[in-house]
Amino acid sequence: MIAGLFRFKGGVKPETHKNASAGAPIQPAPMPPQLVVPLRQSPRATALCIVVPGQKVLKGERIGLPDGPLSTAVHAPTSGTVVEITPHAMAHPSGLSTRCVIIEPDCEDRWTDRPTLDLDTANPKDALNWLRDHGIVGLGGATFPSHIKAGVGGGIETLILNGAECEPWITCDDRLMRERADGIVAGALILKRLTGAREIIFGVEDNKPQAIEALRAVVHDLPGDITVVPVPSLYPAGGEKQLIRVLTGVEIPHGKLGGDFGVQCFNVGTAYAVHRAIAHGEPLVSRVMTVTGNVERPGNFEVLIGTPVEHLLAQAKPKADTDRILMGGPMMGFELPRLDVPAVKATNCLIAASPALFPPPPPEMNCIRCGACARACPAELQPFELYWFSRAKNFGKAQEYHLFDCIECGCCSYVCPSQIRLVDYFRFAKGEIWAREREKSAADAARERFEFRNERQAREKREKAEKLAAKAAATKAKLATAATDAPTADAAAGPDDAKRALIAAALERARAQKAEVAPKNTDNLTPEQAAQVAEAEARRAAKAEQSAATDAPESH
């Protein structure tokens, strides 16, 4: 243990297998015949498509707008033509599809306009929106939107740049720190300014001496509190909470984040992308990836987002006995169900697996409650309890045992003597809980719409009844006023005279109405027509007299 550093609980020390690709410099991956750009670049949110088939696009041009608080923009990785917008298999163990923009490159790789941002004149909100609109997300694997993480609202004392890269086989961050240390440090200074941090600490595993020296050479003459600290090689030292614990001694409890304790952590690749976005106006359209394992030419490649995995693998030449491809590392990665899926912002590594490199696991046996998984868990959970609750689909109890604090590092599965793939059970439980939450949210929204509809109909019915009641009251008041305004002489003559006066008034009104609707040309009527008209007028007059008698007030 290096003096002044702390230690997190648990962890394992698997074989690193990094020498295969660590010596290979970053090289650009060849342009594929088609780019498949998912509008969903993270599990949290998708982007709103703003292009149509047949449209010409330039490199860096936005093809998807942020659609929600956890969403960022998506951009064209190169210039070309949008040939299709369709569901396509995504880089996920399920093999499910997501909406993608298919771009056919024109091989000119022409950039759109790339204005830069002057942090001296821009306010912090503009800078955060700039990161969102340039599609900057965490490149350590979580793809959490950087504009949200950088805009926590102050209170950050320490900014940690994560260069641990602790998982076996992966070397893309190592090569990035060796070759582009100046851009990483420039991005770290931008993040320090946005978060308001007082100090910057680079945490790099001690098995990367060249990366450590490259960073130290850049920060040597810079003002401010910036240090590069080697950390012991222990998986998962690159976990955010674990690295914070090692470098600062701050232990982040269950359900809390580093920002709650004045510490914020970003991947070194994210810092480099921030620098390119602010200082050069470049959106995140590519990233460095490692291609290794059972291949003839392992290496590190600058890969355009949307490049099909099969095209990228061809550059490393998988050997004949390759039986599957892993995306990510062997501890936290997953087996790809098919090879036409695209590389996304979260893709840091592709590993060609063979029976010799990755022997098939023996059959799963019963849990013996040995406690090895609990001792290895860096999050200090009880994986064997989570296993039983997840397997029994008792998701409430799994949450009580802090299921969502599991970082899915795979330490528990690595040490399990019963060969139980514990992380698979935890991922299943999390997925089920999320699915039920979505269903509950949809049901709550439907119930609210139903209740609002019922309330609206009741309100409209109530308002209609009130209008009818008001109209009836007005009519009643009008009749009462007419009766009160009758001549006092008629009133003195007695109730019968008053009744006759009302009948006479009603007859007069009927005659007036009759005159209005009476036929205008009756001079040329035949005797039969005249008789019919006279008969109709007599019926109308009788009906009017009867109506007037009914409307008159009864005498007492």
Protein backbone atom coordinates (compact mmCIF):
# COMPACT_ATOMS: atom_id res chain seq x y z
CA MET A 1 0.00 0.00 0.00
CA ILE A 2 1.38 3.38 -1.03
CA ALA A 3 1.86 5.78 1.88
CA GLY A 4 -0.98 8.23 2.31
CA LEU A 5 -3.48 6.07 0.45
CA PHE A 6 -6.44 4.22 1.86
CA ARG A 7 -7.88 0.81 1.04
CA PHE A 8 -11.36 -0.28 0.09
CA LYS A 9 -12.78 -3.53 1.36
CA GLY A 10 -12.92 -6.58 -0.84
CA GLY A 11 -11.55 -6.78 -4.35
CA VAL A 12 -9.65 -9.45 -6.30
CA LYS A 13 -6.43 -9.68 -8.33
CA PRO A 14 -7.12 -11.48 -11.63
CA GLU A 15 -4.51 -11.85 -14.36
CA THR A 16 -4.29 -8.53 -16.23
CA HIS A 17 -3.48 -9.76 -19.80
CA LYS A 18 -2.72 -6.14 -20.74
CA ASN A 19 0.65 -6.69 -22.41
CA ALA A 20 -1.03 -7.99 -25.56
CA SER A 21 -2.34 -4.55 -26.56
CA ALA A 22 -0.66 -2.04 -24.22
CA GLY A 23 2.27 -1.57 -26.59
CA ALA A 24 0.08 -0.88 -29.63
CA PRO A 25 -0.30 2.87 -30.39
CA ILE A 26 -3.72 4.30 -31.18
CA GLN A 27 -4.52 4.05 -34.89
CA PRO A 28 -7.63 5.16 -36.77
CA ALA A 29 -10.00 2.35 -37.67
CA PRO A 30 -10.84 2.18 -41.41
CA MET A 31 -14.12 3.66 -42.57
CA PRO A 32 -16.88 1.01 -42.74
CA PRO A 33 -19.29 0.76 -45.72
CA GLN A 34 -22.15 1.83 -43.43
CA LEU A 35 -22.41 3.40 -40.00
CA VAL A 36 -25.26 2.33 -37.72
CA VAL A 37 -25.74 5.14 -35.20
CA PRO A 38 -28.19 4.31 -32.38
CA LEU A 39 -30.35 7.16 -31.15
CA ARG A 40 -30.16 5.44 -27.76
CA GLN A 41 -26.56 5.70 -26.59
CA SER A 42 -27.30 4.82 -22.95
CA PRO A 43 -29.91 2.82 -21.01
CA ARG A 44 -31.29 6.03 -19.52
CA ALA A 45 -32.53 8.02 -22.49
CA THR A 46 -32.81 8.29 -26.24
CA ALA A 47 -32.47 11.18 -28.68
CA LEU A 48 -35.10 12.74 -30.95
CA CYS A 49 -34.29 12.04 -34.60
CA ILE A 50 -34.09 15.18 -36.78
CA VAL A 51 -32.95 13.71 -40.11
CA VAL A 52 -34.80 11.87 -42.89
CA PRO A 53 -33.72 9.23 -45.40
CA GLY A 54 -31.91 10.73 -48.37
CA GLN A 55 -30.58 13.69 -46.38
CA LYS A 56 -26.92 14.65 -46.75
CA VAL A 57 -25.06 15.12 -43.46
CA LEU A 58 -21.62 16.37 -42.50
CA LYS A 59 -19.32 14.99 -39.86
CA GLY A 60 -20.34 16.32 -36.47
CA GLU A 61 -23.79 17.42 -37.65
CA ARG A 62 -26.55 16.73 -35.15
CA ILE A 63 -28.87 13.91 -36.16
CA GLY A 64 -30.59 13.55 -32.78
CA LEU A 65 -31.66 16.19 -30.26
CA PRO A 66 -31.64 15.66 -26.48
CA ASP A 67 -35.04 14.28 -25.47
CA GLY A 68 -35.27 14.44 -21.69
CA PRO A 69 -33.11 15.55 -18.76
CA LEU A 70 -30.75 12.53 -19.02
CA SER A 71 -30.38 12.71 -22.79
CA THR A 72 -27.61 14.18 -24.92
CA ALA A 73 -27.34 14.96 -28.62
CA VAL A 74 -26.26 12.38 -31.21
CA HIS A 75 -24.12 13.36 -34.20
CA ALA A 76 -23.14 12.04 -37.60
CA PRO A 77 -19.72 10.31 -37.24
CA THR A 78 -18.74 11.21 -40.80
CA SER A 79 -20.11 12.94 -43.89
CA GLY A 80 -22.45 10.99 -46.12
CA THR A 81 -26.09 10.19 -46.81
CA VAL A 82 -28.78 8.98 -44.45
CA VAL A 83 -30.06 5.86 -46.20
CA GLU A 84 -32.46 4.55 -43.58
CA ILE A 85 -33.89 5.14 -40.10
CA THR A 86 -34.89 1.78 -38.72
CA PRO A 87 -34.72 -0.50 -35.68
CA HIS A 88 -31.42 -2.37 -35.53
CA ALA A 89 -29.88 -4.80 -33.04
CA MET A 90 -28.11 -2.94 -30.26
CA ALA A 91 -24.96 -3.76 -28.29
CA HIS A 92 -26.73 -5.55 -25.45
CA PRO A 93 -26.85 -9.16 -24.23
CA SER A 94 -30.56 -9.32 -25.09
CA GLY A 95 -29.98 -8.66 -28.78
CA LEU A 96 -33.02 -6.36 -28.79
CA SER A 97 -33.25 -3.60 -31.36
CA THR A 98 -33.29 0.16 -31.01
CA ARG A 99 -33.94 2.96 -33.49
CA CYS A 100 -30.83 3.73 -35.52
CA VAL A 101 -29.76 6.14 -38.24
CA ILE A 102 -27.99 4.30 -41.07
CA ILE A 103 -25.40 6.52 -42.80
CA GLU A 104 -23.54 5.65 -45.98
CA PRO A 105 -20.18 7.50 -45.89
CA ASP A 106 -19.05 9.54 -48.87
CA CYS A 107 -15.39 8.89 -47.87
CA GLU A 108 -14.70 12.65 -47.74
CA ASP A 109 -15.02 12.91 -43.93
CA ARG A 110 -16.01 16.59 -44.21
CA TRP A 111 -16.69 18.38 -40.92
CA THR A 112 -19.57 20.71 -40.29
CA ASP A 113 -18.85 24.13 -38.77
CA ARG A 114 -17.10 23.76 -35.42
CA PRO A 115 -17.46 26.92 -33.33
CA THR A 116 -15.59 26.89 -30.03
CA LEU A 117 -16.71 28.12 -26.61
CA ASP A 118 -14.88 30.87 -24.71
CA LEU A 119 -15.18 29.94 -21.05
CA ASP A 120 -14.08 33.43 -20.03
CA THR A 121 -17.24 34.96 -21.48
CA ALA A 122 -19.70 32.05 -21.26
CA ASN A 123 -21.69 31.48 -18.10
CA PRO A 124 -21.65 28.02 -16.48
CA LYS A 125 -25.12 27.13 -17.78
CA ASP A 126 -24.06 27.83 -21.36
CA ALA A 127 -21.00 25.63 -20.89
CA LEU A 128 -23.08 22.75 -19.52
CA ASN A 129 -25.57 23.06 -22.38
CA TRP A 130 -22.60 23.04 -24.75
CA LEU A 131 -21.50 19.65 -23.38
CA ARG A 132 -25.06 18.31 -23.69
CA ASP A 133 -25.40 19.50 -27.27
CA HIS A 134 -22.01 17.98 -28.17
CA GLY A 135 -23.05 14.56 -26.82
CA ILE A 136 -20.45 14.33 -24.04
CA VAL A 137 -21.06 11.39 -21.69
CA GLY A 138 -18.95 9.35 -19.31
CA LEU A 139 -16.61 7.09 -21.28
CA GLY A 140 -15.72 4.82 -18.38
CA GLY A 141 -18.67 2.60 -19.26
CA ALA A 142 -21.65 4.21 -17.51
CA THR A 143 -22.28 6.88 -20.23
CA PHE A 144 -23.83 9.21 -17.63
CA PRO A 145 -24.38 12.71 -19.12
CA SER A 146 -21.36 14.86 -18.26
CA HIS A 147 -23.32 18.12 -18.20
CA ILE A 148 -25.36 16.80 -15.27
CA LYS A 149 -22.35 15.48 -13.39
CA ALA A 150 -20.40 18.71 -13.90
CA GLY A 151 -23.37 20.89 -12.98
CA VAL A 152 -24.08 19.61 -9.47
CA GLY A 153 -24.35 23.19 -8.22
CA GLY A 154 -21.13 23.74 -6.27
CA GLY A 155 -19.77 22.26 -3.09
CA ILE A 156 -17.13 20.19 -4.92
CA GLU A 157 -13.72 20.34 -3.28
CA THR A 158 -11.87 17.51 -5.04
CA LEU A 159 -12.00 16.53 -8.71
CA ILE A 160 -10.76 12.99 -9.40
CA LEU A 161 -9.70 11.87 -12.88
CA ASN A 162 -10.07 8.11 -13.14
CA GLY A 163 -7.19 6.51 -15.04
CA ALA A 164 -7.14 3.28 -13.06
CA GLU A 165 -8.44 1.07 -15.90
CA CYS A 166 -8.37 -1.90 -13.56
CA GLU A 167 -10.22 -4.51 -15.62
CA PRO A 168 -8.12 -7.14 -17.42
CA TRP A 169 -7.31 -6.91 -21.16
CA ILE A 170 -8.42 -3.25 -21.56
CA THR A 171 -5.67 -0.71 -22.45
CA CYS A 172 -7.45 2.12 -24.31
CA ASP A 173 -7.22 4.58 -21.38
CA ASP A 174 -3.56 3.64 -20.85
CA ARG A 175 -2.72 4.51 -24.46
CA LEU A 176 -4.82 7.67 -24.31
CA MET A 177 -2.89 8.89 -21.25
CA ARG A 178 0.44 8.07 -22.89
CA GLU A 179 -0.31 9.77 -26.21
CA ARG A 180 -2.76 12.57 -25.37
CA ALA A 181 -1.95 13.59 -21.81
CA ASP A 182 -2.03 17.30 -22.67
CA GLY A 183 -5.64 17.08 -23.92
CA ILE A 184 -6.70 15.08 -20.85
CA VAL A 185 -5.20 17.65 -18.49
CA ALA A 186 -6.79 20.51 -20.46
CA GLY A 187 -10.16 18.80 -20.12
CA ALA A 188 -9.56 18.26 -16.40
CA LEU A 189 -8.95 21.99 -15.95
CA ILE A 190 -12.23 22.74 -17.75
CA LEU A 191 -14.09 20.32 -15.48
CA LYS A 192 -12.43 21.89 -12.45
CA ARG A 193 -13.71 25.27 -13.56
CA LEU A 194 -17.25 23.98 -14.14
CA THR A 195 -17.47 22.11 -10.84
CA GLY A 196 -15.67 24.75 -8.78
CA ALA A 197 -13.26 22.15 -7.37
CA ARG A 198 -10.22 23.25 -5.37
CA GLU A 199 -7.87 20.41 -6.36
CA ILE A 200 -7.40 17.79 -9.09
CA ILE A 201 -6.17 14.26 -8.40
CA PHE A 202 -5.31 11.82 -11.19
CA GLY A 203 -5.65 8.24 -9.94
CA VAL A 204 -3.73 5.77 -12.15
CA GLU A 205 -2.97 2.15 -11.33
CA ASP A 206 0.72 1.55 -10.62
CA ASN A 207 0.98 -0.98 -13.49
CA LYS A 208 0.88 1.95 -15.96
CA PRO A 209 4.19 3.75 -15.30
CA GLN A 210 4.41 5.36 -18.75
CA ALA A 211 0.94 6.89 -18.42
CA ILE A 212 1.81 8.22 -14.97
CA GLU A 213 4.99 9.87 -16.26
CA ALA A 214 3.19 11.38 -19.26
CA LEU A 215 0.59 13.03 -17.01
CA ARG A 216 3.22 14.24 -14.55
CA ALA A 217 5.19 15.83 -17.37
CA VAL A 218 2.15 17.88 -18.39
CA VAL A 219 1.03 18.98 -14.90
CA HIS A 220 4.56 19.69 -13.65
CA ASP A 221 4.58 23.40 -14.50
CA LEU A 222 0.85 24.07 -14.16
CA PRO A 223 -0.35 26.32 -11.33
CA GLY A 224 -2.85 25.00 -8.84
CA ASP A 225 -3.19 21.88 -6.78
CA ILE A 226 -2.86 19.06 -9.36
CA THR A 227 -1.34 15.69 -8.47
CA VAL A 228 -0.89 12.35 -10.20
CA VAL A 229 -1.18 9.47 -7.73
CA PRO A 230 -0.33 5.82 -8.50
CA VAL A 231 -2.82 3.47 -6.85
CA PRO A 232 -2.33 -0.24 -6.12
CA SER A 233 -3.44 -2.68 -8.81
CA LEU A 234 -6.48 -4.28 -7.23
CA TYR A 235 -9.72 -4.90 -9.07
CA PRO A 236 -12.07 -2.91 -8.98
CA ALA A 237 -9.92 0.07 -8.01
CA GLY A 238 -11.44 1.89 -10.98
CA GLY A 239 -14.92 1.85 -9.47
CA GLU A 240 -15.94 5.40 -8.61
CA LYS A 241 -16.63 4.85 -4.92
CA GLN A 242 -13.58 2.60 -4.56
CA LEU A 243 -11.22 5.13 -6.18
CA ILE A 244 -12.64 7.95 -4.06
CA ARG A 245 -12.02 5.81 -0.97
CA VAL A 246 -8.42 5.03 -2.00
CA LEU A 247 -7.46 8.62 -2.85
CA THR A 248 -9.34 10.63 -0.23
CA GLY A 249 -10.38 8.25 2.52
CA VAL A 250 -14.01 9.32 2.04
CA GLU A 251 -16.33 6.32 2.22
CA ILE A 252 -19.51 6.89 0.23
CA PRO A 253 -22.42 5.16 2.04
CA HIS A 254 -25.27 3.24 0.45
CA GLY A 255 -27.58 5.42 -1.64
CA LYS A 256 -25.19 8.40 -1.77
CA LEU A 257 -22.92 9.83 -4.46
CA GLY A 258 -19.49 11.38 -4.37
CA GLY A 259 -20.93 14.83 -5.05
CA ASP A 260 -22.77 14.63 -1.72
CA PHE A 261 -19.35 14.58 -0.01
CA GLY A 262 -17.56 17.22 -2.07
CA VAL A 263 -15.87 14.77 -4.49
CA GLN A 264 -16.60 14.32 -8.19
CA CYS A 265 -15.04 11.70 -10.46
CA PHE A 266 -14.62 11.65 -14.27
CA ASN A 267 -12.91 9.18 -16.58
CA VAL A 268 -9.77 10.42 -18.36
CA GLY A 269 -11.44 9.70 -21.71
CA THR A 270 -14.34 11.91 -20.71
CA ALA A 271 -11.94 14.75 -19.84
CA TYR A 272 -10.33 14.45 -23.26
CA ALA A 273 -13.77 14.58 -24.95
CA VAL A 274 -14.67 17.68 -22.90
CA HIS A 275 -11.49 19.40 -24.08
CA ARG A 276 -12.21 18.58 -27.73
CA ALA A 277 -15.79 19.87 -27.42
CA ILE A 278 -14.94 23.16 -25.71
CA ALA A 279 -11.62 24.07 -27.34
CA HIS A 280 -12.16 22.57 -30.81
CA GLY A 281 -15.95 22.40 -31.17
CA GLU A 282 -15.86 18.66 -31.83
CA PRO A 283 -18.85 16.58 -30.69
CA LEU A 284 -18.30 13.04 -29.45
CA VAL A 285 -18.31 11.07 -32.71
CA SER A 286 -15.49 8.62 -31.96
CA ARG A 287 -13.62 7.03 -29.08
CA VAL A 288 -10.54 4.87 -28.44
CA MET A 289 -11.27 1.14 -28.12
CA THR A 290 -9.14 -1.93 -27.44
CA VAL A 291 -9.47 -5.00 -29.67
CA THR A 292 -7.66 -7.95 -28.13
CA GLY A 293 -7.90 -11.56 -27.04
CA ASN A 294 -7.66 -14.40 -29.50
CA VAL A 295 -6.54 -12.23 -32.41
CA GLU A 296 -3.38 -11.97 -34.50
CA ARG A 297 -3.02 -8.16 -34.23
CA PRO A 298 -4.35 -6.81 -30.92
CA GLY A 299 -4.40 -3.05 -30.71
CA ASN A 300 -6.10 0.21 -29.83
CA PHE A 301 -8.20 2.00 -32.42
CA GLU A 302 -9.88 5.39 -32.81
CA VAL A 303 -13.33 4.13 -33.81
CA LEU A 304 -16.26 6.09 -35.21
CA ILE A 305 -19.46 5.64 -33.22
CA GLY A 306 -21.72 3.31 -35.22
CA THR A 307 -18.95 1.16 -36.69
CA PRO A 308 -20.18 -2.46 -36.90
CA VAL A 309 -18.30 -4.78 -34.58
CA GLU A 310 -17.56 -7.27 -37.37
CA HIS A 311 -15.80 -4.54 -39.37
CA LEU A 312 -13.66 -3.56 -36.39
CA LEU A 313 -12.76 -7.16 -35.55
CA ALA A 314 -11.52 -7.68 -39.08
CA GLN A 315 -8.70 -5.19 -38.40
CA ALA A 316 -7.35 -7.40 -35.59
CA LYS A 317 -7.85 -10.73 -37.47
CA PRO A 318 -9.51 -13.16 -35.03
CA LYS A 319 -8.01 -16.64 -35.01
CA ALA A 320 -9.84 -19.68 -36.29
CA ASP A 321 -10.77 -21.08 -32.89
CA THR A 322 -12.54 -17.90 -31.76
CA ASP A 323 -15.96 -18.97 -30.52
CA ARG A 324 -17.49 -15.76 -29.17
CA ILE A 325 -16.91 -12.01 -28.79
CA LEU A 326 -17.09 -10.10 -25.52
CA MET A 327 -17.87 -6.39 -25.40
CA GLY A 328 -16.17 -4.82 -22.42
CA GLY A 329 -13.84 -6.64 -20.08
CA PRO A 330 -14.13 -10.24 -18.90
CA MET A 331 -15.40 -9.13 -15.48
CA MET A 332 -18.12 -6.64 -16.41
CA GLY A 333 -18.56 -7.20 -20.12
CA PHE A 334 -21.03 -9.45 -21.93
CA GLU A 335 -21.13 -11.82 -24.87
CA LEU A 336 -22.47 -10.29 -28.06
CA PRO A 337 -25.43 -12.19 -29.54
CA ARG A 338 -24.48 -11.08 -33.08
CA LEU A 339 -21.63 -9.20 -34.76
CA ASP A 340 -23.48 -6.63 -36.85
CA VAL A 341 -24.21 -4.53 -33.75
CA PRO A 342 -22.58 -1.08 -33.74
CA ALA A 343 -19.90 0.25 -31.43
CA VAL A 344 -21.39 2.89 -29.11
CA LYS A 345 -20.02 5.49 -26.72
CA ALA A 346 -19.86 2.92 -23.92
CA THR A 347 -17.77 0.45 -25.95
CA ASN A 348 -14.22 0.42 -24.59
CA CYS A 349 -13.10 -3.07 -25.55
CA LEU A 350 -13.78 -6.08 -27.77
CA ILE A 351 -12.30 -9.41 -26.72
CA ALA A 352 -12.16 -12.41 -29.04
CA ALA A 353 -12.67 -15.43 -26.78
CA SER A 354 -11.59 -19.00 -27.34
CA PRO A 355 -11.87 -22.18 -25.24
CA ALA A 356 -8.17 -21.86 -24.43
CA LEU A 357 -8.37 -18.26 -23.19
CA PHE A 358 -11.78 -18.52 -21.57
CA PRO A 359 -12.59 -22.14 -20.73
CA PRO A 360 -16.31 -22.84 -20.45
CA PRO A 361 -17.43 -22.60 -16.81
CA PRO A 362 -18.31 -25.82 -15.02
CA PRO A 363 -21.96 -26.47 -14.17
CA GLU A 364 -23.49 -24.22 -11.52
CA MET A 365 -23.84 -25.88 -8.13
CA ASN A 366 -25.81 -25.02 -5.00
CA CYS A 367 -24.77 -22.12 -2.84
CA ILE A 368 -22.97 -23.37 0.29
CA ARG A 369 -23.06 -19.99 2.09
CA CYS A 370 -19.29 -19.94 2.47
CA GLY A 371 -19.25 -16.13 2.54
CA ALA A 372 -16.44 -15.79 -0.03
CA CYS A 373 -18.59 -13.49 -2.16
CA ALA A 374 -19.27 -11.19 0.79
CA ARG A 375 -15.57 -10.95 1.63
CA ALA A 376 -14.71 -10.07 -1.99
CA CYS A 377 -17.55 -7.56 -2.52
CA PRO A 378 -16.10 -4.01 -2.76
CA ALA A 379 -19.54 -2.52 -2.07
CA GLU A 380 -19.73 -4.44 1.24
CA LEU A 381 -22.96 -6.21 0.30
CA GLN A 382 -24.19 -9.72 1.02
CA PRO A 383 -24.22 -11.27 -2.47
CA PHE A 384 -25.41 -14.68 -1.28
CA GLU A 385 -28.51 -13.08 0.25
CA LEU A 386 -29.11 -11.03 -2.90
CA TYR A 387 -28.75 -14.24 -4.90
CA TRP A 388 -31.50 -16.03 -2.96
CA PHE A 389 -33.90 -13.08 -3.13
CA SER A 390 -33.23 -12.49 -6.84
CA ARG A 391 -33.66 -16.16 -7.67
CA ALA A 392 -36.95 -16.29 -5.70
CA LYS A 393 -38.08 -13.04 -7.39
CA ASN A 394 -38.47 -11.45 -3.96
CA PHE A 395 -37.42 -8.10 -5.33
CA GLY A 396 -38.60 -6.12 -2.31
CA LYS A 397 -36.20 -7.96 -0.02
CA ALA A 398 -33.43 -7.63 -2.62
CA GLN A 399 -33.86 -3.87 -2.53
CA GLU A 400 -33.77 -3.94 1.27
CA TYR A 401 -30.35 -5.58 0.95
CA HIS A 402 -29.19 -2.66 -1.28
CA LEU A 403 -29.38 -4.43 -4.63
CA PHE A 404 -28.87 -1.17 -6.51
CA ASP A 405 -25.58 -0.49 -4.72
CA CYS A 406 -24.14 -3.48 -6.59
CA ILE A 407 -21.72 -2.15 -9.23
CA GLU A 408 -21.78 -5.48 -11.12
CA CYS A 409 -18.01 -5.76 -10.90
CA GLY A 410 -18.11 -9.57 -10.93
CA CYS A 411 -15.85 -10.11 -7.90
CA CYS A 412 -18.48 -12.33 -6.28
CA SER A 413 -18.81 -14.55 -9.35
CA TYR A 414 -15.01 -14.69 -9.68
CA VAL A 415 -14.49 -16.16 -6.20
CA CYS A 416 -17.64 -18.32 -5.95
CA PRO A 417 -16.62 -21.98 -5.41
CA SER A 418 -20.04 -23.11 -6.64
CA GLN A 419 -19.49 -21.39 -10.01
CA ILE A 420 -22.72 -19.36 -9.62
CA ARG A 421 -22.94 -16.44 -12.05
CA LEU A 422 -24.17 -14.14 -9.32
CA VAL A 423 -24.05 -10.92 -11.33
CA ASP A 424 -26.45 -12.37 -13.91
CA TYR A 425 -29.05 -12.85 -11.15
CA PHE A 426 -28.52 -9.29 -9.92
CA ARG A 427 -28.90 -7.86 -13.43
CA PHE A 428 -32.08 -9.87 -13.86
CA ALA A 429 -33.50 -8.52 -10.59
CA LYS A 430 -32.62 -4.93 -11.49
CA GLY A 431 -34.21 -5.29 -14.91
CA GLU A 432 -37.41 -6.71 -13.43
CA ILE A 433 -37.65 -3.91 -10.88
CA TRP A 434 -37.10 -1.27 -13.56
CA ALA A 435 -39.73 -2.92 -15.78
CA ARG A 436 -42.25 -2.97 -12.94
CA GLU A 437 -41.51 0.66 -12.14
CA ARG A 438 -42.16 1.58 -15.76
CA GLU A 439 -45.43 -0.39 -15.73
CA LYS A 440 -46.45 1.29 -12.49
CA SER A 441 -45.64 4.71 -13.91
CA ALA A 442 -47.69 3.95 -17.02
CA ALA A 443 -50.61 2.70 -14.88
CA ASP A 444 -50.42 5.79 -12.67
CA ALA A 445 -50.45 8.03 -15.72
CA ALA A 446 -53.48 6.16 -17.14
CA ARG A 447 -55.29 6.44 -13.81
CA GLU A 448 -54.59 10.17 -13.65
CA ARG A 449 -55.94 10.62 -17.19
CA PHE A 450 -59.09 8.63 -16.29
CA GLU A 451 -59.67 10.64 -13.12
CA PHE A 452 -59.11 13.90 -14.97
CA ARG A 453 -61.63 12.84 -17.64
CA ASN A 454 -64.24 11.99 -15.02
CA GLU A 455 -63.64 15.24 -13.22
CA ARG A 456 -63.95 17.21 -16.47
CA GLN A 457 -67.24 15.52 -17.36
CA ALA A 458 -68.62 16.13 -13.86
CA ARG A 459 -67.55 19.77 -14.04
CA GLU A 460 -69.20 20.25 -17.43
CA LYS A 461 -72.41 18.62 -16.17
CA ARG A 462 -72.39 20.80 -13.07
CA GLU A 463 -71.80 23.98 -15.10
CA LYS A 464 -74.66 23.06 -17.48
CA ALA A 465 -77.06 22.47 -14.55
CA GLU A 466 -76.05 25.80 -13.03
CA LYS A 467 -76.70 27.60 -16.31
CA LEU A 468 -80.15 25.99 -16.65
CA ALA A 469 -81.01 26.87 -13.05
CA ALA A 470 -79.93 30.46 -13.59
CA LYS A 471 -82.01 30.71 -16.76
CA ALA A 472 -85.09 29.29 -14.97
CA ALA A 473 -84.64 31.72 -12.09
CA ALA A 474 -84.37 34.63 -14.52
CA THR A 475 -87.60 33.58 -16.28
CA LYS A 476 -89.42 33.23 -12.97
CA ALA A 477 -88.23 36.66 -11.87
CA LYS A 478 -89.36 38.17 -15.16
CA LEU A 479 -92.88 36.75 -14.78
CA ALA A 480 -93.04 37.96 -11.20
CA THR A 481 -92.02 41.45 -12.31
CA ALA A 482 -94.67 41.48 -15.04
CA ALA A 483 -97.37 40.51 -12.54
CA THR A 484 -96.24 43.19 -10.09
CA ASP A 485 -96.20 45.89 -12.77
CA ALA A 486 -99.89 45.26 -13.78
CA PRO A 487 -102.22 48.36 -13.33
CA THR A 488 -103.40 48.81 -9.75
CA ALA A 489 -106.96 49.39 -11.01
CA ASP A 490 -107.00 45.90 -12.47
CA ALA A 491 -105.65 44.58 -9.21
CA ALA A 492 -108.38 46.39 -7.29
CA ALA A 493 -111.04 44.90 -9.52
CA GLY A 494 -110.35 41.52 -8.01
CA PRO A 495 -108.60 38.26 -8.90
CA ASP A 496 -110.97 37.37 -11.73
CA ASP A 497 -110.38 40.67 -13.48
CA ALA A 498 -106.62 40.24 -13.13
CA LYS A 499 -106.87 36.75 -14.63
CA ARG A 500 -108.91 38.07 -17.55
CA ALA A 501 -106.36 40.82 -18.12
CA LEU A 502 -103.55 38.27 -18.29
CA ILE A 503 -105.55 36.13 -20.72
CA ALA A 504 -106.20 39.18 -22.89
CA ALA A 505 -102.49 40.02 -22.88
CA ALA A 506 -101.65 36.46 -23.85
CA LEU A 507 -104.19 36.55 -26.70
CA GLU A 508 -102.72 39.81 -27.90
CA ARG A 509 -99.24 38.28 -27.97
CA ALA A 510 -100.60 35.28 -29.86
CA ARG A 511 -102.24 37.54 -32.43
CA ALA A 512 -98.98 39.42 -32.87
CA GLN A 513 -97.08 36.19 -33.38
CA LYS A 514 -99.76 35.00 -35.79
CA ALA A 515 -99.47 38.20 -37.77
CA GLU A 516 -95.73 37.69 -38.08
CA VAL A 517 -96.09 34.20 -39.53
CA ALA A 518 -99.34 34.67 -41.44
CA PRO A 519 -99.21 34.08 -45.17
CA LYS A 520 -98.49 37.30 -47.05
CA ASN A 521 -100.28 36.50 -50.34
CA THR A 522 -103.84 35.26 -49.54
CA ASP A 523 -105.79 37.28 -52.11
CA ASN A 524 -105.55 34.59 -54.77
CA LEU A 525 -106.47 31.62 -52.57
CA THR A 526 -109.12 29.22 -53.76
CA PRO A 527 -112.19 28.73 -51.53
CA GLU A 528 -110.82 25.36 -50.39
CA GLN A 529 -107.42 26.91 -49.47
CA ALA A 530 -109.11 29.78 -47.65
CA ALA A 531 -111.18 27.30 -45.63
CA GLN A 532 -108.04 25.37 -44.67
CA VAL A 533 -106.28 28.59 -43.58
CA ALA A 534 -109.28 29.67 -41.52
CA GLU A 535 -109.48 26.27 -39.84
CA ALA A 536 -105.75 26.39 -38.96
CA GLU A 537 -106.09 29.90 -37.54
CA ALA A 538 -109.02 28.83 -35.40
CA ARG A 539 -107.04 25.91 -34.00
CA ARG A 540 -104.08 28.19 -33.29
CA ALA A 541 -106.28 30.75 -31.53
CA ALA A 542 -107.93 28.07 -29.39
CA LYS A 543 -104.56 26.70 -28.43
CA ALA A 544 -103.27 30.17 -27.56
CA GLU A 545 -106.33 30.86 -25.40
CA GLN A 546 -105.90 27.55 -23.60
CA SER A 547 -102.19 28.29 -23.03
CA ALA A 548 -102.96 31.75 -21.65
CA ALA A 549 -105.53 30.31 -19.27
CA THR A 550 -102.97 27.78 -18.03
CA ASP A 551 -100.25 30.41 -17.47
CA ALA A 552 -102.57 32.73 -15.48
CA PRO A 553 -102.26 32.57 -11.68
CA GLU A 554 -105.00 30.76 -9.82
CA SER A 555 -107.40 32.92 -7.75
CA HIS A 556 -107.78 32.23 -4.05
